[in-house]
Protein backbone atom coordinates (compact mmCIF):
# COMPACT_ATOMS: atom_id res chain seq x y z
CA UNK A 1 0.00 0.00 0.00
CA UNK A 2 1.34 3.45 -0.89
CA UNK A 3 -0.09 6.89 -0.48
CA UNK A 4 1.22 9.87 -2.43
CA UNK A 5 3.03 12.41 -0.28
CA UNK A 6 3.41 10.13 2.76
CA UNK A 7 6.84 8.96 3.86
CA UNK A 8 7.31 5.22 3.24
CA UNK A 9 8.79 4.81 6.75
CA UNK A 10 5.65 6.25 8.32
CA UNK A 11 3.46 3.88 6.30
CA UNK A 12 5.62 0.94 7.32
CA UNK A 13 5.37 1.93 11.00
CA UNK A 14 1.59 2.26 10.70
CA UNK A 15 1.31 -1.19 9.13
CA UNK A 16 3.17 -2.63 12.13
CA UNK A 17 0.77 -0.97 14.61
CA UNK A 18 -2.07 -2.90 16.24
CA UNK A 19 -5.69 -2.10 15.44
CA UNK A 20 -6.12 -0.54 18.89
CA UNK A 21 -3.10 1.72 18.35
CA UNK A 22 -4.43 2.75 14.94
CA UNK A 23 -7.83 3.52 16.45
CA UNK A 24 -6.27 5.63 19.21
CA UNK A 25 -4.23 7.49 16.60
CA UNK A 26 -7.31 8.10 14.46
CA UNK A 27 -9.23 9.63 17.42
CA UNK A 28 -6.31 11.97 18.17
CA UNK A 29 -6.13 12.97 14.50
CA UNK A 30 -9.92 13.57 14.37
CA UNK A 31 -9.69 15.89 17.39
CA UNK A 32 -6.76 17.79 15.89
CA UNK A 33 -8.51 18.22 12.53
CA UNK A 34 -11.69 19.50 14.24
CA UNK A 35 -9.74 22.25 16.05
CA UNK A 36 -11.35 25.59 15.09
CA UNK A 37 -7.90 27.22 14.77
CA UNK A 38 -6.99 24.76 12.00
CA UNK A 39 -10.30 25.40 10.24
CA UNK A 40 -9.82 29.18 10.43
CA UNK A 41 -6.23 28.89 9.16
CA UNK A 42 -7.61 27.48 5.90
CA UNK A 43 -10.88 29.41 5.80
CA UNK A 44 -9.41 32.90 6.28
CA UNK A 45 -7.95 32.94 2.76
CA UNK A 46 -10.92 31.21 1.04
CA UNK A 47 -13.69 32.97 -0.85
CA UNK A 48 -16.58 31.86 -3.03
CA UNK A 49 -15.56 31.17 -6.64
CA UNK A 50 -11.91 30.59 -5.73
CA UNK A 51 -10.11 27.63 -7.34
CA UNK A 52 -8.37 25.39 -4.78
CA UNK A 53 -6.71 21.99 -4.66
CA UNK A 54 -8.16 19.24 -2.46
CA UNK A 55 -7.45 15.62 -1.61
CA UNK A 56 -9.63 12.94 -3.19
CA UNK A 57 -10.22 10.54 -0.26
CA UNK A 58 -10.69 7.62 -2.66
CA UNK A 59 -7.13 7.55 -3.98
CA UNK A 60 -5.25 10.34 -2.15
CA UNK A 61 -4.68 12.37 -5.33
CA UNK A 62 -4.96 16.14 -5.50
CA UNK A 63 -7.79 17.59 -7.59
CA UNK A 64 -8.93 21.11 -8.40
CA UNK A 65 -12.31 22.62 -7.66
CA UNK A 66 -14.11 25.92 -7.19
CA UNK A 67 -15.53 26.93 -3.81
CA UNK A 68 -19.33 27.11 -4.10
CA UNK A 69 -20.35 27.14 -0.41
CA UNK A 70 -18.67 27.46 2.99
CA UNK A 71 -20.21 26.09 6.18
CA UNK A 72 -18.93 25.92 9.76
CA UNK A 73 -16.92 22.70 9.38
CA UNK A 74 -17.03 21.88 5.69
CA UNK A 75 -16.73 23.44 2.27
CA UNK A 76 -18.59 22.53 -0.93
CA UNK A 77 -16.45 22.39 -4.05
CA UNK A 78 -17.37 21.95 -7.72
CA UNK A 79 -14.65 19.75 -9.21
CA UNK A 80 -13.41 21.14 -12.51
CA UNK A 81 -12.42 17.89 -14.23
CA UNK A 82 -15.35 15.56 -13.47
CA UNK A 83 -17.89 18.36 -12.88
CA UNK A 84 -19.24 16.99 -9.62
CA UNK A 85 -19.72 18.48 -6.17
CA UNK A 86 -17.73 17.50 -3.11
CA UNK A 87 -18.55 18.33 0.52
CA UNK A 88 -15.26 18.15 2.39
CA UNK A 89 -13.82 19.19 5.73
CA UNK A 90 -11.51 22.21 5.54
CA UNK A 91 -8.59 19.89 6.36
CA UNK A 92 -8.93 18.30 2.89
CA UNK A 93 -8.19 21.66 1.23
CA UNK A 94 -4.66 22.73 0.39
CA UNK A 95 -4.29 26.01 2.29
CA UNK A 96 -4.60 28.79 -0.30
CA UNK A 97 -1.92 31.42 -0.56
CA UNK A 98 -2.96 34.85 0.74
CA UNK A 99 -4.37 37.02 -2.04
CA UNK A 100 -1.42 38.89 -3.66
CA UNK A 101 -3.76 41.75 -4.60
CA UNK A 102 -4.10 42.52 -0.91
CA UNK A 103 -0.71 43.69 0.40
CA UNK A 104 0.33 42.41 3.82
CA UNK A 105 -0.45 44.87 6.55
CA UNK A 106 2.46 46.90 7.83
CA UNK A 107 2.96 47.12 11.56
CA UNK A 108 0.68 50.10 12.05
CA UNK A 109 -1.03 50.78 15.33
CA UNK A 110 -4.63 49.67 15.12
CA UNK A 111 -7.22 52.44 15.35
CA UNK A 112 -9.32 52.36 18.50
CA UNK A 113 -12.42 50.21 18.26
CA UNK A 114 -15.73 52.00 17.89
CA UNK A 115 -17.89 51.58 20.98
CA UNK A 116 -20.23 48.59 20.74
CA UNK A 117 -23.89 49.45 20.24
CA UNK A 118 -26.13 49.16 23.28
CA UNK A 119 -29.86 48.97 23.91
CA UNK A 120 -30.14 52.76 23.88
CA UNK A 121 -28.88 52.91 20.26
CA UNK A 122 -31.94 51.11 18.84
CA UNK A 123 -35.70 51.74 18.65
CA UNK A 124 -38.68 49.63 17.65
CA UNK A 125 -39.40 49.88 13.91
CA UNK A 126 -35.79 50.63 12.89
CA UNK A 127 -34.22 48.71 10.03
CA UNK A 128 -31.09 46.80 11.10
CA UNK A 129 -28.72 44.13 9.77
CA UNK A 130 -26.58 41.38 11.30
CA UNK A 131 -24.68 38.30 10.17
CA UNK A 132 -26.06 34.83 10.92
CA UNK A 133 -23.90 31.83 11.82
CA UNK A 134 -23.26 31.15 8.12
CA UNK A 135 -21.92 34.72 7.71
CA UNK A 136 -24.95 35.67 5.61
CA UNK A 137 -26.28 39.20 6.13
CA UNK A 138 -29.85 39.32 7.42
CA UNK A 139 -31.76 42.61 7.17
CA UNK A 140 -34.94 43.19 9.12
CA UNK A 141 -37.01 45.44 11.33
CA UNK A 142 -36.87 45.57 15.13
CA UNK A 143 -40.21 44.37 16.48
CA UNK A 144 -39.32 44.10 20.19
CA UNK A 145 -36.56 45.34 22.49
CA UNK A 146 -35.59 43.28 25.51
CA UNK A 147 -32.92 44.02 28.12
CA UNK A 148 -30.14 42.15 26.26
CA UNK A 149 -31.54 41.40 22.79
CA UNK A 150 -33.73 42.79 20.05
CA UNK A 151 -36.23 40.67 18.14
CA UNK A 152 -35.71 41.14 14.40
CA UNK A 153 -38.30 40.32 11.72
CA UNK A 154 -36.69 39.95 8.28
CA UNK A 155 -40.12 39.63 6.66
CA UNK A 156 -39.80 35.96 5.67
CA UNK A 157 -41.92 34.53 8.48
CA UNK A 158 -39.00 34.03 10.88
CA UNK A 159 -37.86 36.07 13.87
CA UNK A 160 -34.36 36.39 15.30
CA UNK A 161 -33.29 37.37 18.81
CA UNK A 162 -29.98 39.18 18.39
CA UNK A 163 -27.65 40.85 20.89
CA UNK A 164 -27.25 44.59 20.40
CA UNK A 165 -23.49 44.32 19.82
CA UNK A 166 -24.16 42.29 16.64
CA UNK A 167 -26.63 44.76 15.13
CA UNK A 168 -25.89 47.66 12.78
CA UNK A 169 -28.25 50.30 11.42
CA UNK A 170 -29.30 50.11 7.78
CA UNK A 171 -29.92 53.34 5.95
CA UNK A 172 -32.71 53.32 3.39
CA UNK A 173 -31.39 54.81 0.19
């Protein structure tokens, strides 16, 4: 058995391991791959429509695909060669190089953060926006103000309870 990109000595050592040792190793690897810092290290340079290389779990080869969706723990790619979709963990993606069009930031002092909005900054009936857990912008109207959250109605039959720090005003143009 050979796997591209894996040292032959490592493969030989793994073949000598017992099933229990292999299982213990796989649980450690699963935990390491699920670490949010590893996911963010790959995700921070990804964007929709970007072409990336990924590992085909069937044979270990690298393939190319375009990013069509990004979720919390996995990315959906449209493979260019076979024209099929893959849902893969971020660990299966070759980390993309930072965008050369965006120059690296020089060591400038960061400007002070704007104060976070509070309950007093919002009123019932105002139009606001926030990002949901999939980083999609949701725009809606405040229908209720509680002590820590505002209830937002985006007009699609749902309601969201959102902390004031996550809200921003939307100006009607």
